C-alpha atoms as a PDB file:
ATOM      1  CA  MET A   1      13.916  10.356  22.542  1.00  0.00           C
ATOM      2  CA  GLU A   2      10.177  10.881  22.370  1.00  0.00           C
ATOM      3  CA  LEU A   3       7.940   9.624  19.625  1.00  0.00           C
ATOM      4  CA  SER A   4       6.808  13.126  18.033  1.00  0.00           C
ATOM      5  CA  ARG A   5      10.566  14.518  18.613  1.00  0.00           C
ATOM      6  CA  TYR A   6      11.583  11.345  16.518  1.00  0.00           C
ATOM      7  CA  ILE A   7       9.111  12.211  13.591  1.00  0.00           C
ATOM      8  CA  VAL A   8      10.589  15.398  13.504  1.00  0.00           C
ATOM      9  CA  HIS A   9      13.902  14.555  13.493  1.00  0.00           C
ATOM     10  CA  ARG A  10      13.458  11.172  11.352  1.00  0.00           C
ATOM     11  CA  ALA A  11      10.857  14.210   8.522  1.00  0.00           C
ATOM     12  CA  SER A  12      13.988  16.855   8.695  1.00  0.00           C
ATOM     13  CA  ARG A  13      16.643  14.583   7.834  1.00  0.00           C
ATOM     14  CA  PRO A  14      17.207  13.770   3.657  1.00  0.00           C
ATOM     15  CA  ASP A  15      15.526  10.608   2.705  1.00  0.00           C
ATOM     16  CA  PRO A  16      17.214   8.094   0.411  1.00  0.00           C
ATOM     17  CA  LEU A  17      13.846   6.975  -1.062  1.00  0.00           C
ATOM     18  CA  PRO A  18      13.106   7.320  -4.457  1.00  0.00           C
ATOM     19  CA  ALA A  19      10.830  10.721  -5.099  1.00  0.00           C
ATOM     20  CA  VAL A  20       8.326   8.787  -6.823  1.00  0.00           C
ATOM     21  CA  VAL A  21       8.162   6.550  -3.624  1.00  0.00           C
ATOM     22  CA  GLN A  22       7.985  10.238  -1.146  1.00  0.00           C
ATOM     23  CA  ARG A  23       5.187  11.151  -3.556  1.00  0.00           C
ATOM     24  CA  ARG A  24       3.191   8.069  -3.341  1.00  0.00           C
ATOM     25  CA  ALA A  25       3.389   7.664   0.436  1.00  0.00           C
ATOM     26  CA  VAL A  26       1.959  11.489   0.539  1.00  0.00           C
ATOM     27  CA  ARG A  27      -0.613  10.652  -1.167  1.00  0.00           C
ATOM     28  CA  GLU A  28      -1.646   7.600   0.018  1.00  0.00           C
ATOM     29  CA  LEU A  29      -1.154   9.645   3.810  1.00  0.00           C
ATOM     30  CA  LEU A  30      -3.291  12.613   2.613  1.00  0.00           C
ATOM     31  CA  LEU A  31      -5.993   9.967   1.116  1.00  0.00           C
ATOM     32  CA  LEU A  32      -6.340   8.210   4.391  1.00  0.00           C
ATOM     33  CA  ALA A  33      -6.671  11.747   5.898  1.00  0.00           C
ATOM     34  CA  LYS A  34      -9.262  12.777   3.601  1.00  0.00           C
ATOM     35  CA  LEU A  35     -11.499   9.150   4.290  1.00  0.00           C
ATOM     36  CA  GLU A  36     -11.000   9.450   7.805  1.00  0.00           C
ATOM     37  CA  GLU A  37     -12.468  13.412   7.948  1.00  0.00           C
ATOM     38  CA  ARG A  38     -15.073  12.162   5.513  1.00  0.00           C
ATOM     39  CA  ARG A  39     -16.359   9.268   7.969  1.00  0.00           C
ATOM     40  CA  MET A  40     -16.185  11.683  10.855  1.00  0.00           C
ATOM     41  CA  ALA A  41     -18.351  14.232   9.042  1.00  0.00           C
ATOM     42  CA  ASP A  42     -20.827  11.464   8.465  1.00  0.00           C
ATOM     43  CA  MET A  43     -20.836  11.148  12.133  1.00  0.00           C
ATOM     44  CA  GLY A  44     -21.741  14.591  12.719  1.00  0.00           C
ATOM     45  CA  LEU A  45     -18.196  14.480  14.056  1.00  0.00           C
ATOM     46  CA  GLU A  46     -16.878  17.795  12.004  1.00  0.00           C
ATOM     47  CA  GLU A  47     -15.749  19.646  14.820  1.00  0.00           C
ATOM     48  CA  ARG A  48     -13.907  17.404  16.459  1.00  0.00           C
ATOM     49  CA  TRP A  49     -11.864  16.540  13.355  1.00  0.00           C
ATOM     50  CA  LEU A  50     -10.919  20.195  13.188  1.00  0.00           C
ATOM     51  CA  SER A  51     -10.301  20.365  17.423  1.00  0.00           C
ATOM     52  CA  ILE A  52      -7.903  17.429  16.863  1.00  0.00           C
ATOM     53  CA  GLY A  53      -6.451  19.024  13.677  1.00  0.00           C
ATOM     54  CA  PHE A  54      -5.351  22.140  15.222  1.00  0.00           C
ATOM     55  CA  GLU A  55      -3.995  20.480  18.639  1.00  0.00           C
ATOM     56  CA  VAL A  56      -1.315  18.528  15.678  1.00  0.00           C
END
């Protein structure tokens, strides 16, 4: 199974993790994304960030 297909498969299944763990994982992921977005902006790569986002 391709990695992207596996991720979609896993994301669409009910997850046995407690809700508090899921919320923390999502929060941490959003935090990392925001940090990377700011890092790229500081390097003058805002357009690249947007382009990557559209590709995803």
